Amino acid sequence: TPNVNIFRDPRWGRGQETYGEDPFLMAQIGVSFVK
């Protein structure tokens, strides 16, 4: 954990595991989660 693959297409079933479609938002949430 965590899953930081970009949620590039809303059909992807595992997109729910990520923090969204934006690389910056993904990085900000992901870095804090890892820490």
All heavy atoms as atom14 arrays in JSON, in Angstrom:
{
  "sequence": "TPNVNIFRDPRWGRGQETYGEDPFLMAQIGVSFVK",
  "atom14_mask": [
    [1, 1, 1, 1, 1, 1, 1, 0, 0, 0, 0, 0, 0, 0],
    [1, 1, 1, 1, 1, 1, 1, 0, 0, 0, 0, 0, 0, 0],
    [1, 1, 1, 1, 1, 1, 1, 1, 0, 0, 0, 0, 0, 0],
    [1, 1, 1, 1, 1, 1, 1, 0, 0, 0, 0, 0, 0, 0],
    [1, 1, 1, 1, 1, 1, 1, 1, 0, 0, 0, 0, 0, 0],
    [1, 1, 1, 1, 1, 1, 1, 1, 0, 0, 0, 0, 0, 0],
    [1, 1, 1, 1, 1, 1, 1, 1, 1, 1, 1, 0, 0, 0],
    [1, 1, 1, 1, 1, 1, 1, 1, 1, 1, 1, 0, 0, 0],
    [1, 1, 1, 1, 1, 1, 1, 1, 0, 0, 0, 0, 0, 0],
    [1, 1, 1, 1, 1, 1, 1, 0, 0, 0, 0, 0, 0, 0],
    [1, 1, 1, 1, 1, 1, 1, 1, 1, 1, 1, 0, 0, 0],
    [1, 1, 1, 1, 1, 1, 1, 1, 1, 1, 1, 1, 1, 1],
    [1, 1, 1, 1, 0, 0, 0, 0, 0, 0, 0, 0, 0, 0],
    [1, 1, 1, 1, 1, 1, 1, 1, 1, 1, 1, 0, 0, 0],
    [1, 1, 1, 1, 0, 0, 0, 0, 0, 0, 0, 0, 0, 0],
    [1, 1, 1, 1, 1, 1, 1, 1, 1, 0, 0, 0, 0, 0],
    [1, 1, 1, 1, 1, 1, 1, 1, 1, 0, 0, 0, 0, 0],
    [1, 1, 1, 1, 1, 1, 1, 0, 0, 0, 0, 0, 0, 0],
    [1, 1, 1, 1, 1, 1, 1, 1, 1, 1, 1, 1, 0, 0],
    [1, 1, 1, 1, 0, 0, 0, 0, 0, 0, 0, 0, 0, 0],
    [1, 1, 1, 1, 1, 1, 1, 1, 1, 0, 0, 0, 0, 0],
    [1, 1, 1, 1, 1, 1, 1, 1, 0, 0, 0, 0, 0, 0],
    [1, 1, 1, 1, 1, 1, 1, 0, 0, 0, 0, 0, 0, 0],
    [1, 1, 1, 1, 1, 1, 1, 1, 1, 1, 1, 0, 0, 0],
    [1, 1, 1, 1, 1, 1, 1, 1, 0, 0, 0, 0, 0, 0],
    [1, 1, 1, 1, 1, 1, 1, 1, 0, 0, 0, 0, 0, 0],
    [1, 1, 1, 1, 1, 0, 0, 0, 0, 0, 0, 0, 0, 0],
    [1, 1, 1, 1, 1, 1, 1, 1, 1, 0, 0, 0, 0, 0],
    [1, 1, 1, 1, 1, 1, 1, 1, 0, 0, 0, 0, 0, 0],
    [1, 1, 1, 1, 0, 0, 0, 0, 0, 0, 0, 0, 0, 0],
    [1, 1, 1, 1, 1, 1, 1, 0, 0, 0, 0, 0, 0, 0],
    [1, 1, 1, 1, 1, 1, 0, 0, 0, 0, 0, 0, 0, 0],
    [1, 1, 1, 1, 1, 1, 1, 1, 1, 1, 1, 0, 0, 0],
    [1, 1, 1, 1, 1, 1, 1, 0, 0, 0, 0, 0, 0, 0],
    [1, 1, 1, 1, 1, 1, 1, 1, 1, 0, 0, 0, 0, 0]
  ],
  "atom14_positions": [
    [[0.86, -1.17, 0.0], [0.0, 0.0, 0.0], [0.91, 1.23, 0.0], [1.94, 1.21, 0.69], [-0.87, 0.02, 1.28], [-1.7, -1.13, 1.32], [-1.71, 1.26, 1.39], [0.0, 0.0, 0.0], [0.0, 0.0, 0.0], [0.0, 0.0, 0.0], [0.0, 0.0, 0.0], [0.0, 0.0, 0.0], [0.0, 0.0, 0.0], [0.0, 0.0, 0.0]],
    [[0.6, 2.31, -0.7], [-0.65, 2.62, -1.4], [-0.59, 2.34, -2.89], [0.48, 2.13, -3.47], [-0.76, 4.13, -1.17], [0.66, 4.61, -1.16], [1.45, 3.51, -0.52], [0.0, 0.0, 0.0], [0.0, 0.0, 0.0], [0.0, 0.0, 0.0], [0.0, 0.0, 0.0], [0.0, 0.0, 0.0], [0.0, 0.0, 0.0], [0.0, 0.0, 0.0]],
    [[-1.78, 2.36, -3.51], [-1.91, 2.25, -4.96], [-1.91, 3.67, -5.54], [-2.86, 4.41, -5.35], [-3.22, 1.53, -5.31], [-3.41, 1.33, -6.81], [-2.77, 1.96, -7.64], [-4.33, 0.45, -7.17], [0.0, 0.0, 0.0], [0.0, 0.0, 0.0], [0.0, 0.0, 0.0], [0.0, 0.0, 0.0], [0.0, 0.0, 0.0], [0.0, 0.0, 0.0]],
    [[-0.83, 4.02, -6.24], [-0.73, 5.38, -6.79], [-0.73, 5.37, -8.32], [-0.17, 6.25, -8.96], [0.52, 6.13, -6.25], [0.33, 6.47, -4.78], [1.8, 5.34, -6.46], [0.0, 0.0, 0.0], [0.0, 0.0, 0.0], [0.0, 0.0, 0.0], [0.0, 0.0, 0.0], [0.0, 0.0, 0.0], [0.0, 0.0, 0.0], [0.0, 0.0, 0.0]],
    [[-1.37, 4.36, -8.9], [-1.62, 4.4, -10.34], [-2.66, 5.47, -10.64], [-3.66, 5.59, -9.95], [-2.15, 3.05, -10.84], [-1.12, 1.94, -10.73], [-1.38, 0.9, -10.13], [0.06, 2.14, -11.3], [0.0, 0.0, 0.0], [0.0, 0.0, 0.0], [0.0, 0.0, 0.0], [0.0, 0.0, 0.0], [0.0, 0.0, 0.0], [0.0, 0.0, 0.0]],
    [[-2.43, 6.24, -11.68], [-3.37, 7.3, -12.05], [-4.71, 6.7, -12.48], [-4.75, 5.76, -13.27], [-2.77, 8.16, -13.18], [-1.68, 9.07, -12.61], [-3.83, 8.98, -13.88], [-2.18, 10.12, -11.65], [0.0, 0.0, 0.0], [0.0, 0.0, 0.0], [0.0, 0.0, 0.0], [0.0, 0.0, 0.0], [0.0, 0.0, 0.0], [0.0, 0.0, 0.0]],
    [[-5.79, 7.26, -11.95], [-7.14, 6.84, -12.31], [-7.48, 7.51, -13.65], [-8.27, 8.44, -13.71], [-8.1, 7.26, -11.2], [-9.42, 6.53, -11.19], [-10.3, 6.69, -10.12], [-9.8, 5.69, -12.22], [-11.52, 6.03, -10.08], [-11.02, 5.02, -12.2], [-11.88, 5.2, -11.12], [0.0, 0.0, 0.0], [0.0, 0.0, 0.0], [0.0, 0.0, 0.0]],
    [[-6.87, 7.01, -14.72], [-6.94, 7.69, -16.03], [-8.26, 7.46, -16.74], [-8.63, 8.25, -17.61], [-5.8, 7.2, -16.94], [-5.98, 5.75, -17.32], [-4.92, 5.15, -18.2], [-5.31, 3.76, -18.44], [-6.04, 3.37, -19.47], [-6.39, 4.23, -20.4], [-6.4, 2.1, -19.59], [0.0, 0.0, 0.0], [0.0, 0.0, 0.0], [0.0, 0.0, 0.0]],
    [[-8.97, 6.39, -16.4], [-10.23, 6.05, -17.08], [-11.23, 5.57, -16.05], [-10.94, 4.62, -15.31], [-9.99, 4.97, -18.14], [-11.19, 4.79, -19.07], [-12.28, 4.44, -18.57], [-11.04, 5.0, -20.28], [0.0, 0.0, 0.0], [0.0, 0.0, 0.0], [0.0, 0.0, 0.0], [0.0, 0.0, 0.0], [0.0, 0.0, 0.0], [0.0, 0.0, 0.0]],
    [[-12.42, 6.2, -15.98], [-13.38, 5.86, -14.92], [-13.99, 4.47, -15.03], [-14.73, 4.06, -14.15], [-14.45, 6.94, -15.05], [-14.32, 7.46, -16.43], [-12.87, 7.34, -16.79], [0.0, 0.0, 0.0], [0.0, 0.0, 0.0], [0.0, 0.0, 0.0], [0.0, 0.0, 0.0], [0.0, 0.0, 0.0], [0.0, 0.0, 0.0], [0.0, 0.0, 0.0]],
    [[-13.65, 3.75, -16.1], [-14.14, 2.37, -16.2], [-13.3, 1.39, -15.39], [-13.71, 0.25, -15.16], [-14.17, 1.94, -17.68], [-15.28, 2.56, -18.49], [-15.1, 2.4, -19.98], [-14.04, 3.24, -20.51], [-13.91, 3.58, -21.78], [-14.79, 3.14, -22.67], [-12.93, 4.37, -22.18], [0.0, 0.0, 0.0], [0.0, 0.0, 0.0], [0.0, 0.0, 0.0]],
    [[-12.12, 1.8, -14.97], [-11.2, 0.9, -14.26], [-11.76, 0.56, -12.87], [-11.96, 1.43, -12.04], [-9.83, 1.56, -14.13], [-8.78, 0.67, -13.55], [-8.65, -0.68, -13.73], [-7.71, 1.06, -12.69], [-7.55, -1.15, -13.04], [-6.96, -0.1, -12.39], [-7.31, 2.28, -12.15], [-5.84, -0.07, -11.57], [-6.19, 2.31, -11.33], [-5.46, 1.15, -11.05]],
    [[-11.96, -0.73, -12.64], [-12.56, -1.16, -11.38], [-11.72, -0.91, -10.16], [-12.24, -0.76, -9.05], [0.0, 0.0, 0.0], [0.0, 0.0, 0.0], [0.0, 0.0, 0.0], [0.0, 0.0, 0.0], [0.0, 0.0, 0.0], [0.0, 0.0, 0.0], [0.0, 0.0, 0.0], [0.0, 0.0, 0.0], [0.0, 0.0, 0.0], [0.0, 0.0, 0.0]],
    [[-10.39, -0.86, -10.33], [-9.51, -0.66, -9.18], [-9.17, 0.81, -8.95], [-8.4, 1.14, -8.04], [-8.22, -1.47, -9.35], [-8.45, -2.96, -9.38], [-7.14, -3.73, -9.28], [-6.53, -3.63, -7.97], [-5.38, -4.22, -7.65], [-4.72, -4.93, -8.55], [-4.87, -4.09, -6.44], [0.0, 0.0, 0.0], [0.0, 0.0, 0.0], [0.0, 0.0, 0.0]],
    [[-9.76, 1.69, -9.75], [-9.51, 3.11, -9.53], [-9.91, 3.56, -8.14], [-9.36, 4.53, -7.6], [0.0, 0.0, 0.0], [0.0, 0.0, 0.0], [0.0, 0.0, 0.0], [0.0, 0.0, 0.0], [0.0, 0.0, 0.0], [0.0, 0.0, 0.0], [0.0, 0.0, 0.0], [0.0, 0.0, 0.0], [0.0, 0.0, 0.0], [0.0, 0.0, 0.0]],
    [[-10.88, 2.86, -7.54], [-11.31, 3.18, -6.18], [-10.18, 3.12, -5.16], [-10.23, 3.76, -4.11], [-12.41, 2.22, -5.75], [-11.98, 0.76, -5.72], [-13.03, -0.18, -5.19], [-13.28, -0.23, -3.99], [-13.67, -0.91, -6.09], [0.0, 0.0, 0.0], [0.0, 0.0, 0.0], [0.0, 0.0, 0.0], [0.0, 0.0, 0.0], [0.0, 0.0, 0.0]],
    [[-9.14, 2.35, -5.46], [-8.01, 2.2, -4.53], [-7.1, 3.43, -4.54], [-6.29, 3.61, -3.63], [-7.18, 0.97, -4.91], [-7.94, -0.34, -4.89], [-7.08, -1.49, -5.36], [-5.84, -1.4, -5.26], [-7.63, -2.48, -5.86], [0.0, 0.0, 0.0], [0.0, 0.0, 0.0], [0.0, 0.0, 0.0], [0.0, 0.0, 0.0], [0.0, 0.0, 0.0]],
    [[-7.19, 4.24, -5.59], [-6.27, 5.36, -5.77], [-6.85, 6.63, -5.18], [-7.95, 6.64, -4.64], [-5.99, 5.58, -7.27], [-7.12, 6.24, -7.88], [-5.75, 4.26, -8.0], [0.0, 0.0, 0.0], [0.0, 0.0, 0.0], [0.0, 0.0, 0.0], [0.0, 0.0, 0.0], [0.0, 0.0, 0.0], [0.0, 0.0, 0.0], [0.0, 0.0, 0.0]],
    [[-6.09, 7.73, -5.33], [-6.54, 9.02, -4.81], [-7.05, 9.94, -5.92], [-7.28, 11.12, -5.68], [-5.41, 9.7, -4.03], [-4.82, 8.81, -2.97], [-3.45, 8.54, -2.94], [-5.63, 8.21, -2.0], [-2.91, 7.7, -1.97], [-5.1, 7.37, -1.04], [-3.72, 7.12, -1.02], [-3.19, 6.28, -0.07], [0.0, 0.0, 0.0], [0.0, 0.0, 0.0]],
    [[-7.21, 9.39, -7.14], [-7.83, 10.19, -8.19], [-7.03, 10.26, -9.47], [-6.11, 9.49, -9.71], [0.0, 0.0, 0.0], [0.0, 0.0, 0.0], [0.0, 0.0, 0.0], [0.0, 0.0, 0.0], [0.0, 0.0, 0.0], [0.0, 0.0, 0.0], [0.0, 0.0, 0.0], [0.0, 0.0, 0.0], [0.0, 0.0, 0.0], [0.0, 0.0, 0.0]],
    [[-7.39, 11.25, -10.31], [-6.85, 11.33, -11.66], [-5.71, 12.33, -11.81], [-5.11, 12.43, -12.89], [-7.96, 11.71, -12.64], [-8.46, 13.15, -12.52], [-9.6, 13.46, -13.49], [-10.29, 12.53, -13.94], [-9.81, 14.65, -13.78], [0.0, 0.0, 0.0], [0.0, 0.0, 0.0], [0.0, 0.0, 0.0], [0.0, 0.0, 0.0], [0.0, 0.0, 0.0]],
    [[-5.4, 13.07, -10.76], [-4.39, 14.12, -10.88], [-3.07, 13.7, -10.24], [-3.05, 13.32, -9.06], [-4.89, 15.4, -10.21], [-3.87, 16.52, -10.33], [-3.69, 17.03, -11.44], [-3.22, 16.84, -9.31], [0.0, 0.0, 0.0], [0.0, 0.0, 0.0], [0.0, 0.0, 0.0], [0.0, 0.0, 0.0], [0.0, 0.0, 0.0], [0.0, 0.0, 0.0]],
    [[-1.96, 13.8, -10.97], [-0.67, 13.37, -10.42], [-0.24, 14.15, -9.18], [0.35, 13.57, -8.26], [0.3, 13.61, -11.58], [-0.53, 13.65, -12.81], [-1.85, 14.2, -12.38], [0.0, 0.0, 0.0], [0.0, 0.0, 0.0], [0.0, 0.0, 0.0], [0.0, 0.0, 0.0], [0.0, 0.0, 0.0], [0.0, 0.0, 0.0], [0.0, 0.0, 0.0]],
    [[-0.52, 15.44, -9.15], [-0.11, 16.26, -8.0], [-0.9, 15.88, -6.75], [-0.33, 15.68, -5.67], [-0.29, 17.74, -8.32], [0.09, 18.65, -7.19], [1.42, 18.85, -6.87], [-0.88, 19.31, -6.44], [1.79, 19.7, -5.82], [-0.53, 20.15, -5.4], [0.81, 20.35, -5.09], [0.0, 0.0, 0.0], [0.0, 0.0, 0.0], [0.0, 0.0, 0.0]],
    [[-2.22, 15.77, -6.88], [-3.05, 15.35, -5.75], [-2.64, 13.96, -5.28], [-2.51, 13.7, -4.08], [-4.52, 15.37, -6.14], [-5.52, 14.84, -5.09], [-5.5, 15.7, -3.83], [-6.93, 14.77, -5.67], [0.0, 0.0, 0.0], [0.0, 0.0, 0.0], [0.0, 0.0, 0.0], [0.0, 0.0, 0.0], [0.0, 0.0, 0.0], [0.0, 0.0, 0.0]],
    [[-2.43, 13.07, -6.23], [-2.03, 11.7, -5.9], [-0.73, 11.7, -5.09], [-0.6, 10.99, -4.08], [-1.83, 10.89, -7.17], [-1.49, 9.43, -6.94], [-2.94, 8.41, -6.62], [-3.54, 8.21, -8.29], [0.0, 0.0, 0.0], [0.0, 0.0, 0.0], [0.0, 0.0, 0.0], [0.0, 0.0, 0.0], [0.0, 0.0, 0.0], [0.0, 0.0, 0.0]],
    [[0.22, 12.51, -5.52], [1.51, 12.56, -4.84], [1.38, 13.13, -3.43], [1.97, 12.62, -2.47], [2.5, 13.37, -5.66], [0.0, 0.0, 0.0], [0.0, 0.0, 0.0], [0.0, 0.0, 0.0], [0.0, 0.0, 0.0], [0.0, 0.0, 0.0], [0.0, 0.0, 0.0], [0.0, 0.0, 0.0], [0.0, 0.0, 0.0], [0.0, 0.0, 0.0]],
    [[0.6, 14.21, -3.29], [0.46, 14.86, -1.99], [-0.19, 13.93, -0.96], [0.29, 13.8, 0.17], [-0.37, 16.14, -2.13], [0.3, 17.23, -2.95], [1.55, 17.76, -2.29], [1.52, 18.27, -1.17], [2.68, 17.65, -2.98], [0.0, 0.0, 0.0], [0.0, 0.0, 0.0], [0.0, 0.0, 0.0], [0.0, 0.0, 0.0], [0.0, 0.0, 0.0]],
    [[-1.28, 13.28, -1.35], [-1.95, 12.35, -0.44], [-1.07, 11.12, -0.21], [-0.92, 10.64, 0.93], [-3.33, 11.93, -0.99], [-4.24, 13.15, -1.19], [-3.99, 10.91, -0.06], [-4.7, 13.82, 0.07], [0.0, 0.0, 0.0], [0.0, 0.0, 0.0], [0.0, 0.0, 0.0], [0.0, 0.0, 0.0], [0.0, 0.0, 0.0], [0.0, 0.0, 0.0]],
    [[-0.47, 10.6, -1.29], [0.34, 9.39, -1.19], [1.56, 9.55, -0.31], [1.89, 8.67, 0.5], [0.0, 0.0, 0.0], [0.0, 0.0, 0.0], [0.0, 0.0, 0.0], [0.0, 0.0, 0.0], [0.0, 0.0, 0.0], [0.0, 0.0, 0.0], [0.0, 0.0, 0.0], [0.0, 0.0, 0.0], [0.0, 0.0, 0.0], [0.0, 0.0, 0.0]],
    [[2.26, 10.67, -0.43], [3.44, 10.93, 0.4], [3.06, 10.96, 1.88], [3.72, 10.35, 2.73], [4.13, 12.24, -0.02], [5.11, 12.71, 1.05], [4.87, 12.05, -1.35], [0.0, 0.0, 0.0], [0.0, 0.0, 0.0], [0.0, 0.0, 0.0], [0.0, 0.0, 0.0], [0.0, 0.0, 0.0], [0.0, 0.0, 0.0], [0.0, 0.0, 0.0]],
    [[1.98, 11.66, 2.2], [1.54, 11.72, 3.59], [1.14, 10.35, 4.12], [1.42, 10.0, 5.27], [0.36, 12.69, 3.72], [0.77, 14.01, 3.5], [0.0, 0.0, 0.0], [0.0, 0.0, 0.0], [0.0, 0.0, 0.0], [0.0, 0.0, 0.0], [0.0, 0.0, 0.0], [0.0, 0.0, 0.0], [0.0, 0.0, 0.0], [0.0, 0.0, 0.0]],
    [[0.48, 9.57, 3.27], [0.04, 8.23, 3.68], [1.25, 7.35, 3.98], [1.27, 6.62, 4.99], [-0.83, 7.61, 2.6], [-1.74, 6.53, 3.09], [-3.02, 6.82, 3.55], [-1.34, 5.2, 3.09], [-3.86, 5.82, 4.02], [-2.17, 4.19, 3.55], [-3.44, 4.5, 4.02], [0.0, 0.0, 0.0], [0.0, 0.0, 0.0], [0.0, 0.0, 0.0]],
    [[2.25, 7.4, 3.13], [3.46, 6.6, 3.35], [4.16, 7.02, 4.65], [4.59, 6.17, 5.45], [4.42, 6.72, 2.15], [5.79, 6.14, 2.49], [3.84, 6.02, 0.94], [0.0, 0.0, 0.0], [0.0, 0.0, 0.0], [0.0, 0.0, 0.0], [0.0, 0.0, 0.0], [0.0, 0.0, 0.0], [0.0, 0.0, 0.0], [0.0, 0.0, 0.0]],
    [[4.26, 8.3, 4.87], [4.91, 8.78, 6.1], [4.15, 8.32, 7.33], [4.76, 7.98, 8.35], [5.01, 10.3, 6.07], [6.05, 10.82, 5.08], [6.14, 12.35, 5.1], [7.23, 12.85, 4.17], [7.31, 14.34, 4.16], [0.0, 0.0, 0.0], [0.0, 0.0, 0.0], [0.0, 0.0, 0.0], [0.0, 0.0, 0.0], [0.0, 0.0, 0.0]]
  ]
}
